[in-house]
PDB file of N, CA and C in Angstrom:
ATOM      1  N   MET A   1       0.845  -1.174   0.000  1.00  0.00           N
ATOM      2  CA  MET A   1       0.000   0.000   0.000  1.00  0.00           C
ATOM      3  C   MET A   1       0.894   1.241   0.000  1.00  0.00           C
ATOM      4  N   THR A   2       0.534   2.223  -0.792  1.00  0.00           N
ATOM      5  CA  THR A   2       1.249   3.497  -0.851  1.00  0.00           C
ATOM      6  C   THR A   2       0.424   4.552  -0.121  1.00  0.00           C
ATOM      7  N   TYR A   3       1.098   5.370   0.680  1.00  0.00           N
ATOM      8  CA  TYR A   3       0.446   6.463   1.392  1.00  0.00           C
ATOM      9  C   TYR A   3       0.895   7.783   0.793  1.00  0.00           C
ATOM     10  N   VAL A   4      -0.062   8.678   0.540  1.00  0.00           N
ATOM     11  CA  VAL A   4       0.224  10.027   0.055  1.00  0.00           C
ATOM     12  C   VAL A   4      -0.330  10.993   1.096  1.00  0.00           C
ATOM     13  N   ASN A   5       0.550  11.798   1.656  1.00  0.00           N
ATOM     14  CA  ASN A   5       0.173  12.729   2.724  1.00  0.00           C
ATOM     15  C   ASN A   5      -0.352  14.024   2.116  1.00  0.00           C
ATOM     16  N   LEU A   6      -1.645  14.263   2.265  1.00  0.00           N
ATOM     17  CA  LEU A   6      -2.276  15.487   1.757  1.00  0.00           C
ATOM     18  C   LEU A   6      -2.520  16.497   2.870  1.00  0.00           C
ATOM     19  N   THR A   7      -1.684  16.463   3.922  1.00  0.00           N
ATOM     20  CA  THR A   7      -1.722  17.482   4.976  1.00  0.00           C
ATOM     21  C   THR A   7      -0.499  18.383   4.803  1.00  0.00           C
ATOM     22  N   PRO A   8      -0.475  19.540   5.467  1.00  0.00           N
ATOM     23  CA  PRO A   8       0.666  20.450   5.276  1.00  0.00           C
ATOM     24  C   PRO A   8       1.896  20.118   6.117  1.00  0.00           C
ATOM     25  N   HIS A   9       1.852  19.043   6.894  1.00  0.00           N
ATOM     26  CA  HIS A   9       2.965  18.723   7.788  1.00  0.00           C
ATOM     27  C   HIS A   9       3.272  17.224   7.739  1.00  0.00           C
ATOM     28  N   PRO A  10       4.473  16.820   8.143  1.00  0.00           N
ATOM     29  CA  PRO A  10       4.779  15.388   8.187  1.00  0.00           C
ATOM     30  C   PRO A  10       3.840  14.677   9.164  1.00  0.00           C
ATOM     31  N   VAL A  11       3.462  13.460   8.840  1.00  0.00           N
ATOM     32  CA  VAL A  11       2.677  12.629   9.744  1.00  0.00           C
ATOM     33  C   VAL A  11       3.615  11.536  10.252  1.00  0.00           C
ATOM     34  N   CYS A  12       3.858  11.550  11.566  1.00  0.00           N
ATOM     35  CA  CYS A  12       4.774  10.601  12.200  1.00  0.00           C
ATOM     36  C   CYS A  12       3.963   9.517  12.893  1.00  0.00           C
ATOM     37  N   LEU A  13       4.180   8.278  12.515  1.00  0.00           N
ATOM     38  CA  LEU A  13       3.446   7.137  13.050  1.00  0.00           C
ATOM     39  C   LEU A  13       4.346   6.404  14.047  1.00  0.00           C
ATOM     40  N   TYR A  14       3.935   6.431  15.316  1.00  0.00           N
ATOM     41  CA  TYR A  14       4.743   5.836  16.378  1.00  0.00           C
ATOM     42  C   TYR A  14       4.353   4.396  16.700  1.00  0.00           C
ATOM     43  N   ARG A  15       3.160   3.977  16.328  1.00  0.00           N
ATOM     44  CA  ARG A  15       2.636   2.663  16.685  1.00  0.00           C
ATOM     45  C   ARG A  15       2.817   2.468  18.181  1.00  0.00           C
ATOM     46  N   GLU A  16       3.519   1.454  18.609  1.00  0.00           N
ATOM     47  CA  GLU A  16       3.699   1.201  20.048  1.00  0.00           C
ATOM     48  C   GLU A  16       5.032   1.715  20.578  1.00  0.00           C
ATOM     49  N   ARG A  17       5.762   2.425  19.749  1.00  0.00           N
ATOM     50  CA  ARG A  17       7.080   2.913  20.149  1.00  0.00           C
ATOM     51  C   ARG A  17       6.953   4.126  21.057  1.00  0.00           C
ATOM     52  N   GLY A  18       7.924   4.306  21.907  1.00  0.00           N
ATOM     53  CA  GLY A  18       7.983   5.508  22.728  1.00  0.00           C
ATOM     54  C   GLY A  18       8.558   6.660  21.936  1.00  0.00           C
ATOM     55  N   ILE A  19       8.355   7.859  22.452  1.00  0.00           N
ATOM     56  CA  ILE A  19       8.853   9.050  21.756  1.00  0.00           C
ATOM     57  C   ILE A  19      10.369   8.991  21.613  1.00  0.00           C
ATOM     58  N   SER A  20      11.051   8.511  22.644  1.00  0.00           N
ATOM     59  CA  SER A  20      12.512   8.477  22.581  1.00  0.00           C
ATOM     60  C   SER A  20      13.019   7.512  21.510  1.00  0.00           C
ATOM     61  N   ASP A  21      12.195   6.527  21.133  1.00  0.00           N
ATOM     62  CA  ASP A  21      12.582   5.589  20.068  1.00  0.00           C
ATOM     63  C   ASP A  21      12.414   6.200  18.683  1.00  0.00           C
ATOM     64  N   GLY A  22      11.665   7.295  18.591  1.00  0.00           N
ATOM     65  CA  GLY A  22      11.394   7.919  17.297  1.00  0.00           C
ATOM     66  C   GLY A  22      10.257   7.223  16.580  1.00  0.00           C
ATOM     67  N   PRO A  23       9.725   7.856  15.558  1.00  0.00           N
ATOM     68  CA  PRO A  23       8.592   7.269  14.834  1.00  0.00           C
ATOM     69  C   PRO A  23       8.998   6.037  14.023  1.00  0.00           C
ATOM     70  N   ALA A  24       8.048   5.118  13.872  1.00  0.00           N
ATOM     71  CA  ALA A  24       8.267   3.935  13.038  1.00  0.00           C
ATOM     72  C   ALA A  24       8.200   4.305  11.563  1.00  0.00           C
ATOM     73  N   GLU A  25       7.342   5.261  11.236  1.00  0.00           N
ATOM     74  CA  GLU A  25       7.182   5.738   9.862  1.00  0.00           C
ATOM     75  C   GLU A  25       6.989   7.243   9.880  1.00  0.00           C
ATOM     76  N   ILE A  26       7.495   7.908   8.860  1.00  0.00           N
ATOM     77  CA  ILE A  26       7.241   9.340   8.669  1.00  0.00           C
ATOM     78  C   ILE A  26       6.748   9.515   7.242  1.00  0.00           C
ATOM     79  N   TYR A  27       5.573  10.126   7.115  1.00  0.00           N
ATOM     80  CA  TYR A  27       5.006  10.399   5.797  1.00  0.00           C
ATOM     81  C   TYR A  27       5.128  11.899   5.538  1.00  0.00           C
ATOM     82  N   PRO A  28       6.050  12.310   4.673  1.00  0.00           N
ATOM     83  CA  PRO A  28       6.240  13.736   4.410  1.00  0.00           C
ATOM     84  C   PRO A  28       5.062  14.306   3.613  1.00  0.00           C
ATOM     85  N   PRO A  29       4.834  15.619   3.737  1.00  0.00           N
ATOM     86  CA  PRO A  29       3.768  16.234   2.933  1.00  0.00           C
ATOM     87  C   PRO A  29       4.064  16.077   1.450  1.00  0.00           C
ATOM     88  N   SER A  30       3.021  15.863   0.674  1.00  0.00           N
ATOM     89  CA  SER A  30       3.177  15.667  -0.772  1.00  0.00           C
ATOM     90  C   SER A  30       3.296  16.982  -1.535  1.00  0.00           C
ATOM     91  N   GLY A  31       2.921  18.077  -0.877  1.00  0.00           N
ATOM     92  CA  GLY A  31       2.891  19.371  -1.558  1.00  0.00           C
ATOM     93  C   GLY A  31       1.481  19.779  -1.944  1.00  0.00           C
ATOM     94  N   THR A  32       0.554  18.849  -1.926  1.00  0.00           N
ATOM     95  CA  THR A  32      -0.866  19.141  -2.152  1.00  0.00           C
ATOM     96  C   THR A  32      -1.571  19.007  -0.814  1.00  0.00           C
ATOM     97  N   VAL A  33      -2.411  19.979  -0.473  1.00  0.00           N
ATOM     98  CA  VAL A  33      -3.145  19.944   0.792  1.00  0.00           C
ATOM     99  C   VAL A  33      -4.635  19.846   0.494  1.00  0.00           C
ATOM    100  N   ALA A  34      -5.232  18.732   0.892  1.00  0.00           N
ATOM    101  CA  ALA A  34      -6.677  18.552   0.732  1.00  0.00           C
ATOM    102  C   ALA A  34      -7.376  19.222   1.909  1.00  0.00           C
ATOM    103  N   ARG A  35      -8.374  20.006   1.601  1.00  0.00           N
ATOM    104  CA  ARG A  35      -9.145  20.702   2.637  1.00  0.00           C
ATOM    105  C   ARG A  35     -10.616  20.598   2.308  1.00  0.00           C
ATOM    106  N   VAL A  36     -11.436  20.947   3.285  1.00  0.00           N
ATOM    107  CA  VAL A  36     -12.874  21.022   3.088  1.00  0.00           C
ATOM    108  C   VAL A  36     -13.251  22.490   3.245  1.00  0.00           C
ATOM    109  N   SER A  37     -14.048  22.995   2.303  1.00  0.00           N
ATOM    110  CA  SER A  37     -14.462  24.393   2.397  1.00  0.00           C
ATOM    111  C   SER A  37     -15.347  24.582   3.626  1.00  0.00           C
ATOM    112  N   SER A  38     -15.305  25.776   4.188  1.00  0.00           N
ATOM    113  CA  SER A  38     -16.156  26.085   5.337  1.00  0.00           C
ATOM    114  C   SER A  38     -16.861  27.411   5.081  1.00  0.00           C
ATOM    115  N   LEU A  39     -18.064  27.520   5.619  1.00  0.00           N
ATOM    116  CA  LEU A  39     -18.883  28.706   5.428  1.00  0.00           C
ATOM    117  C   LEU A  39     -19.571  29.048   6.742  1.00  0.00           C
ATOM    118  N   GLU A  40     -19.354  30.263   7.213  1.00  0.00           N
ATOM    119  CA  GLU A  40     -20.073  30.708   8.398  1.00  0.00           C
ATOM    120  C   GLU A  40     -21.538  30.870   8.018  1.00  0.00           C
ATOM    121  N   CYS A  41     -22.425  30.207   8.743  1.00  0.00           N
ATOM    122  CA  CYS A  41     -23.836  30.207   8.372  1.00  0.00           C
ATOM    123  C   CYS A  41     -24.703  30.945   9.387  1.00  0.00           C
ATOM    124  N   GLY A  42     -24.121  31.904  10.045  1.00  0.00           N
ATOM    125  CA  GLY A  42     -24.865  32.734  10.980  1.00  0.00           C
ATOM    126  C   GLY A  42     -23.895  33.610  11.746  1.00  0.00           C
ATOM    127  N   PRO A  43     -24.440  34.571  12.470  1.00  0.00           N
ATOM    128  CA  PRO A  43     -23.578  35.459  13.240  1.00  0.00           C
ATOM    129  C   PRO A  43     -23.018  34.759  14.476  1.00  0.00           C
ATOM    130  N   PRO A  44     -21.880  35.217  14.974  1.00  0.00           N
ATOM    131  CA  PRO A  44     -21.325  34.636  16.195  1.00  0.00           C
ATOM    132  C   PRO A  44     -22.285  34.817  17.371  1.00  0.00           C
ATOM    133  N   ASP A  45     -22.280  33.831  18.251  1.00  0.00           N
ATOM    134  CA  ASP A  45     -23.029  33.892  19.507  1.00  0.00           C
ATOM    135  C   ASP A  45     -21.987  33.801  20.610  1.00  0.00           C
ATOM    136  N   GLY A  46     -21.492  34.952  21.024  1.00  0.00           N
ATOM    137  CA  GLY A  46     -20.382  34.972  21.972  1.00  0.00           C
ATOM    138  C   GLY A  46     -19.131  34.453  21.285  1.00  0.00           C
ATOM    139  N   ASP A  47     -18.584  33.390  21.816  1.00  0.00           N
ATOM    140  CA  ASP A  47     -17.364  32.794  21.261  1.00  0.00           C
ATOM    141  C   ASP A  47     -17.641  31.697  20.248  1.00  0.00           C
ATOM    142  N   VAL A  48     -18.908  31.443  19.945  1.00  0.00           N
ATOM    143  CA  VAL A  48     -19.276  30.332  19.062  1.00  0.00           C
ATOM    144  C   VAL A  48     -19.782  30.863  17.723  1.00  0.00           C
ATOM    145  N   VAL A  49     -19.208  30.336  16.643  1.00  0.00           N
ATOM    146  CA  VAL A  49     -19.620  30.707  15.290  1.00  0.00           C
ATOM    147  C   VAL A  49     -20.185  29.463  14.614  1.00  0.00           C
ATOM    148  N   PRO A  50     -21.419  29.513  14.095  1.00  0.00           N
ATOM    149  CA  PRO A  50     -21.946  28.351  13.375  1.00  0.00           C
ATOM    150  C   PRO A  50     -21.260  28.223  12.012  1.00  0.00           C
ATOM    151  N   VAL A  51     -20.769  27.020  11.730  1.00  0.00           N
ATOM    152  CA  VAL A  51     -20.011  26.779  10.503  1.00  0.00           C
ATOM    153  C   VAL A  51     -20.554  25.523   9.827  1.00  0.00           C
ATOM    154  N   ARG A  52     -20.692  25.617   8.516  1.00  0.00           N
ATOM    155  CA  ARG A  52     -21.074  24.461   7.706  1.00  0.00           C
ATOM    156  C   ARG A  52     -19.873  24.093   6.845  1.00  0.00           C
ATOM    157  N   TYR A  53     -19.592  22.792   6.792  1.00  0.00           N
ATOM    158  CA  TYR A  53     -18.486  22.319   5.974  1.00  0.00           C
ATOM    159  C   TYR A  53     -19.024  21.827   4.647  1.00  0.00           C
ATOM    160  N   GLY A  54     -18.285  22.122   3.591  1.00  0.00           N
ATOM    161  CA  GLY A  54     -18.761  21.823   2.247  1.00  0.00           C
ATOM    162  C   GLY A  54     -17.917  20.809   1.521  1.00  0.00           C
ATOM    163  N   ASP A  55     -17.638  21.116   0.285  1.00  0.00           N
ATOM    164  CA  ASP A  55     -16.975  20.189  -0.618  1.00  0.00           C
ATOM    165  C   ASP A  55     -15.456  20.152  -0.399  1.00  0.00           C
ATOM    166  N   PRO A  56     -14.865  18.988  -0.640  1.00  0.00           N
ATOM    167  CA  PRO A  56     -13.409  18.895  -0.537  1.00  0.00           C
ATOM    168  C   PRO A  56     -12.733  19.667  -1.672  1.00  0.00           C
ATOM    169  N   GLN A  57     -11.549  20.154  -1.380  1.00  0.00           N
ATOM    170  CA  GLN A  57     -10.740  20.864  -2.365  1.00  0.00           C
ATOM    171  C   GLN A  57      -9.371  20.199  -2.424  1.00  0.00           C
ATOM    172  N   GLN A  58      -8.812  20.096  -3.596  1.00  0.00           N
ATOM    173  CA  GLN A  58      -7.481  19.514  -3.836  1.00  0.00           C
ATOM    174  C   GLN A  58      -7.420  18.028  -3.484  1.00  0.00           C
ATOM    175  N   LEU A  59      -8.548  17.338  -3.546  1.00  0.00           N
ATOM    176  CA  LEU A  59      -8.573  15.906  -3.256  1.00  0.00           C
ATOM    177  C   LEU A  59      -8.507  15.135  -4.572  1.00  0.00           C
ATOM    178  N   PRO A  60      -7.419  14.390  -4.791  1.00  0.00           N
ATOM    179  CA  PRO A  60      -7.293  13.656  -6.056  1.00  0.00           C
ATOM    180  C   PRO A  60      -8.295  12.508  -6.129  1.00  0.00           C
ATOM    181  N   PRO A  61      -8.541  12.014  -7.322  1.00  0.00           N
ATOM    182  CA  PRO A  61      -9.449  10.865  -7.465  1.00  0.00           C
ATOM    183  C   PRO A  61      -8.803   9.609  -6.878  1.00  0.00           C
ATOM    184  N   PRO A  62      -9.620   8.618  -6.529  1.00  0.00           N
ATOM    185  CA  PRO A  62      -9.067   7.358  -6.010  1.00  0.00           C
ATOM    186  C   PRO A  62      -8.128   6.702  -7.026  1.00  0.00           C
ATOM    187  N   VAL A  63      -7.079   6.094  -6.495  1.00  0.00           N
ATOM    188  CA  VAL A  63      -6.114   5.342  -7.295  1.00  0.00           C
ATOM    189  C   VAL A  63      -5.925   3.995  -6.599  1.00  0.00           C
ATOM    190  N   PRO A  64      -6.078   2.880  -7.313  1.00  0.00           N
ATOM    191  CA  PRO A  64      -5.888   1.575  -6.675  1.00  0.00           C
ATOM    192  C   PRO A  64      -4.525   1.477  -5.994  1.00  0.00           C
ATOM    193  N   GLY A  65      -4.530   0.963  -4.759  1.00  0.00           N
ATOM    194  CA  GLY A  65      -3.286   0.774  -4.021  1.00  0.00           C
ATOM    195  C   GLY A  65      -2.772   2.005  -3.302  1.00  0.00           C
ATOM    196  N   VAL A  66      -3.528   3.122  -3.338  1.00  0.00           N
ATOM    197  CA  VAL A  66      -3.094   4.361  -2.691  1.00  0.00           C
ATOM    198  C   VAL A  66      -4.090   4.758  -1.610  1.00  0.00           C
ATOM    199  N   LEU A  67      -3.558   5.073  -0.413  1.00  0.00           N
ATOM    200  CA  LEU A  67      -4.358   5.675   0.651  1.00  0.00           C
ATOM    201  C   LEU A  67      -3.868   7.103   0.837  1.00  0.00           C
ATOM    202  N   TYR A  68      -4.801   8.028   0.928  1.00  0.00           N
ATOM    203  CA  TYR A  68      -4.475   9.442   1.117  1.00  0.00           C
ATOM    204  C   TYR A  68      -4.636   9.801   2.587  1.00  0.00           C
ATOM    205  N   ILE A  69      -3.591  10.396   3.171  1.00  0.00           N
ATOM    206  CA  ILE A  69      -3.650  10.874   4.546  1.00  0.00           C
ATOM    207  C   ILE A  69      -4.193  12.295   4.506  1.00  0.00           C
ATOM    208  N   VAL A  70      -5.311  12.517   5.206  1.00  0.00           N
ATOM    209  CA  VAL A  70      -5.978  13.819   5.224  1.00  0.00           C
ATOM    210  C   VAL A  70      -6.342  14.176   6.663  1.00  0.00           C
ATOM    211  N   SER A  71      -6.829  15.384   6.865  1.00  0.00           N
ATOM    212  CA  SER A  71      -7.316  15.771   8.186  1.00  0.00           C
ATOM    213  C   SER A  71      -8.584  14.988   8.505  1.00  0.00           C
ATOM    214  N   LEU A  72      -8.911  14.901   9.780  1.00  0.00           N
ATOM    215  CA  LEU A  72     -10.126  14.197  10.178  1.00  0.00           C
ATOM    216  C   LEU A  72     -11.361  14.882   9.608  1.00  0.00           C
ATOM    217  N   VAL A  73     -11.371  16.205   9.558  1.00  0.00           N
ATOM    218  CA  VAL A  73     -12.519  16.927   8.992  1.00  0.00           C
ATOM    219  C   VAL A  73     -12.728  16.517   7.536  1.00  0.00           C
ATOM    220  N   THR A  74     -11.655  16.420   6.773  1.00  0.00           N
ATOM    221  CA  THR A  74     -11.765  16.022   5.375  1.00  0.00           C
ATOM    222  C   THR A  74     -12.244  14.576   5.257  1.00  0.00           C
ATOM    223  N   ALA A  75     -11.703  13.687   6.082  1.00  0.00           N
ATOM    224  CA  ALA A  75     -12.127  12.284   6.044  1.00  0.00           C
ATOM    225  C   ALA A  75     -13.608  12.149   6.397  1.00  0.00           C
ATOM    226  N   LEU A  76     -14.068  12.892   7.390  1.00  0.00           N
ATOM    227  CA  LEU A  76     -15.473  12.823   7.794  1.00  0.00           C
ATOM    228  C   LEU A  76     -16.396  13.390   6.726  1.00  0.00           C
ATOM    229  N   ALA A  77     -15.933  14.412   6.022  1.00  0.00           N
ATOM    230  CA  ALA A  77     -16.749  15.015   4.970  1.00  0.00           C
ATOM    231  C   ALA A  77     -16.861  14.111   3.746  1.00  0.00           C
ATOM    232  N   CYS A  78     -15.957  13.145   3.636  1.00  0.00           N
ATOM    233  CA  CYS A  78     -15.906  12.267   2.453  1.00  0.00           C
ATOM    234  C   CYS A  78     -15.964  10.806   2.877  1.00  0.00           C
ATOM    235  N   ARG A  79     -16.874  10.465   3.766  1.00  0.00           N
ATOM    236  CA  ARG A  79     -16.963   9.095   4.305  1.00  0.00           C
ATOM    237  C   ARG A  79     -17.130   8.029   3.227  1.00  0.00           C
ATOM    238  N   GLU A  80     -17.689   8.427   2.101  1.00  0.00           N
ATOM    239  CA  GLU A  80     -17.911   7.446   1.031  1.00  0.00           C
ATOM    240  C   GLU A  80     -16.603   7.007   0.378  1.00  0.00           C
ATOM    241  N   ARG A  81     -15.531   7.755   0.630  1.00  0.00           N
ATOM    242  CA  ARG A  81     -14.229   7.424   0.047  1.00  0.00           C
ATOM    243  C   ARG A  81     -13.496   6.451   0.963  1.00  0.00           C
ATOM    244  N   GLY A  82     -13.267   5.260   0.501  1.00  0.00           N
ATOM    245  CA  GLY A  82     -12.555   4.264   1.295  1.00  0.00           C
ATOM    246  C   GLY A  82     -11.050   4.413   1.253  1.00  0.00           C
ATOM    247  N   ASP A  83     -10.565   5.421   0.518  1.00  0.00           N
ATOM    248  CA  ASP A  83      -9.123   5.599   0.357  1.00  0.00           C
ATOM    249  C   ASP A  83      -8.562   6.748   1.186  1.00  0.00           C
ATOM    250  N   LEU A  84      -9.354   7.274   2.128  1.00  0.00           N
ATOM    251  CA  LEU A  84      -8.898   8.384   2.969  1.00  0.00           C
ATOM    252  C   LEU A  84      -8.666   7.895   4.395  1.00  0.00           C
ATOM    253  N   VAL A  85      -7.530   8.265   4.949  1.00  0.00           N
ATOM    254  CA  VAL A  85      -7.204   7.944   6.338  1.00  0.00           C
ATOM    255  C   VAL A  85      -6.744   9.219   7.033  1.00  0.00           C
ATOM    256  N   ALA A  86      -6.882   9.237   8.366  1.00  0.00           N
ATOM    257  CA  ALA A  86      -6.508  10.409   9.151  1.00  0.00           C
ATOM    258  C   ALA A  86      -5.763   9.944  10.403  1.00  0.00           C
ATOM    259  N   PRO A  87      -4.929  10.802  10.979  1.00  0.00           N
ATOM    260  CA  PRO A  87      -4.221  10.427  12.207  1.00  0.00           C
ATOM    261  C   PRO A  87      -5.201  10.046  13.324  1.00  0.00           C
ATOM    262  N   TYR A  88      -4.772   9.069  14.146  1.00  0.00           N
ATOM    263  CA  TYR A  88      -5.601   8.576  15.244  1.00  0.00           C
ATOM    264  C   TYR A  88      -4.717   8.289  16.460  1.00  0.00           C
ATOM    265  N   LEU A  89      -5.200   8.643  17.614  1.00  0.00           N
ATOM    266  CA  LEU A  89      -4.505   8.484  18.896  1.00  0.00           C
ATOM    267  C   LEU A  89      -3.183   9.256  18.897  1.00  0.00           C
ATOM    268  N   GLU A  90      -3.285  10.514  19.228  1.00  0.00           N
ATOM    269  CA  GLU A  90      -2.127  11.412  19.214  1.00  0.00           C
ATOM    270  C   GLU A  90      -1.032  10.946  20.178  1.00  0.00           C
ATOM    271  N   VAL A  91       0.195  11.211  19.790  1.00  0.00           N
ATOM    272  CA  VAL A  91       1.361  11.010  20.645  1.00  0.00           C
ATOM    273  C   VAL A  91       1.867  12.397  20.990  1.00  0.00           C
ATOM    274  N   ARG A  92       2.057  12.645  22.285  1.00  0.00           N
ATOM    275  CA  ARG A  92       2.467  13.979  22.751  1.00  0.00           C
ATOM    276  C   ARG A  92       3.854  13.931  23.386  1.00  0.00           C
ATOM    277  N   ASN A  93       4.540  15.065  23.284  1.00  0.00           N
ATOM    278  CA  ASN A  93       5.847  15.174  23.933  1.00  0.00           C
ATOM    279  C   ASN A  93       5.654  15.592  25.397  1.00  0.00           C
ATOM    280  N   GLY A  94       6.743  15.776  26.111  1.00  0.00           N
ATOM    281  CA  GLY A  94       6.699  16.136  27.526  1.00  0.00           C
ATOM    282  C   GLY A  94       6.027  17.464  27.814  1.00  0.00           C
ATOM    283  N   LYS A  95       5.935  18.327  26.821  1.00  0.00           N
ATOM    284  CA  LYS A  95       5.281  19.634  26.994  1.00  0.00           C
ATOM    285  C   LYS A  95       3.822  19.609  26.548  1.00  0.00           C
ATOM    286  N   GLY A  96       3.344  18.445  26.125  1.00  0.00           N
ATOM    287  CA  GLY A  96       1.950  18.322  25.703  1.00  0.00           C
ATOM    288  C   GLY A  96       1.707  18.568  24.233  1.00  0.00           C
ATOM    289  N   GLY A  97       2.743  18.892  23.477  1.00  0.00           N
ATOM    290  CA  GLY A  97       2.583  19.129  22.037  1.00  0.00           C
ATOM    291  C   GLY A  97       2.445  17.826  21.269  1.00  0.00           C
ATOM    292  N   ILE A  98       1.626  17.828  20.239  1.00  0.00           N
ATOM    293  CA  ILE A  98       1.442  16.637  19.414  1.00  0.00           C
ATOM    294  C   ILE A  98       2.644  16.455  18.500  1.00  0.00           C
ATOM    295  N   VAL A  99       3.241  15.272  18.545  1.00  0.00           N
ATOM    296  CA  VAL A  99       4.396  14.973  17.695  1.00  0.00           C
ATOM    297  C   VAL A  99       4.089  13.884  16.666  1.00  0.00           C
ATOM    298  N   GLY A 100       2.958  13.213  16.819  1.00  0.00           N
ATOM    299  CA  GLY A 100       2.604  12.157  15.887  1.00  0.00           C
ATOM    300  C   GLY A 100       1.350  11.434  16.338  1.00  0.00           C
ATOM    301  N   CYS A 101       1.176  10.225  15.839  1.00  0.00           N
ATOM    302  CA  CYS A 101       0.003   9.425  16.179  1.00  0.00           C
ATOM    303  C   CYS A 101       0.405   7.949  16.257  1.00  0.00           C
ATOM    304  N   ARG A 102      -0.481   7.142  16.837  1.00  0.00           N
ATOM    305  CA  ARG A 102      -0.242   5.696  16.943  1.00  0.00           C
ATOM    306  C   ARG A 102      -0.698   4.952  15.686  1.00  0.00           C
ATOM    307  N   TYR A 103      -1.795   5.421  15.098  1.00  0.00           N
ATOM    308  CA  TYR A 103      -2.396   4.728  13.953  1.00  0.00           C
ATOM    309  C   TYR A 103      -2.936   5.746  12.960  1.00  0.00           C
ATOM    310  N   LEU A 104      -3.336   5.233  11.830  1.00  0.00           N
ATOM    311  CA  LEU A 104      -4.142   5.991  10.873  1.00  0.00           C
ATOM    312  C   LEU A 104      -5.529   5.387  10.897  1.00  0.00           C
ATOM    313  N   GLN A 105      -6.552   6.231  10.912  1.00  0.00           N
ATOM    314  CA  GLN A 105      -7.926   5.748  10.996  1.00  0.00           C
ATOM    315  C   GLN A 105      -8.668   5.925   9.683  1.00  0.00           C
ATOM    316  N   ARG A 106      -9.546   4.986   9.431  1.00  0.00           N
ATOM    317  CA  ARG A 106     -10.468   5.088   8.299  1.00  0.00           C
ATOM    318  C   ARG A 106     -11.851   5.261   8.909  1.00  0.00           C
ATOM    319  N   THR A 107     -12.555   6.332   8.548  1.00  0.00           N
ATOM    320  CA  THR A 107     -13.873   6.569   9.131  1.00  0.00           C
ATOM    321  C   THR A 107     -14.881   5.602   8.552  1.00  0.00           C
ATOM    322  N   CYS A 108     -15.909   5.295   9.329  1.00  0.00           N
ATOM    323  CA  CYS A 108     -16.944   4.373   8.867  1.00  0.00           C
ATOM    324  C   CYS A 108     -18.314   4.881   9.294  1.00  0.00           C
TER     325      CYS A 108
END
């Protein structure tokens, strides 16, 4: 299986490894970023803004043998696509910053 990272940053997959062991896999950004359009659908209510998510942008067509790594929002917006995966179970450093994930998830 080939993975194409359609996020703007490297995706580091740690699986069961500790942070000090380093990631088991690193998927560098491909240079294309898949996103889902968003539209504010009403005025803010204090700190909350109602937002509707729309169509994906920069998402290539399915290719046999290829899984595309995308954001969870993009994967959820395109549930019918079996070729989209997103980071799952964040791995954090000692300061609480996200440095990677344990798995890639396919939404269902």
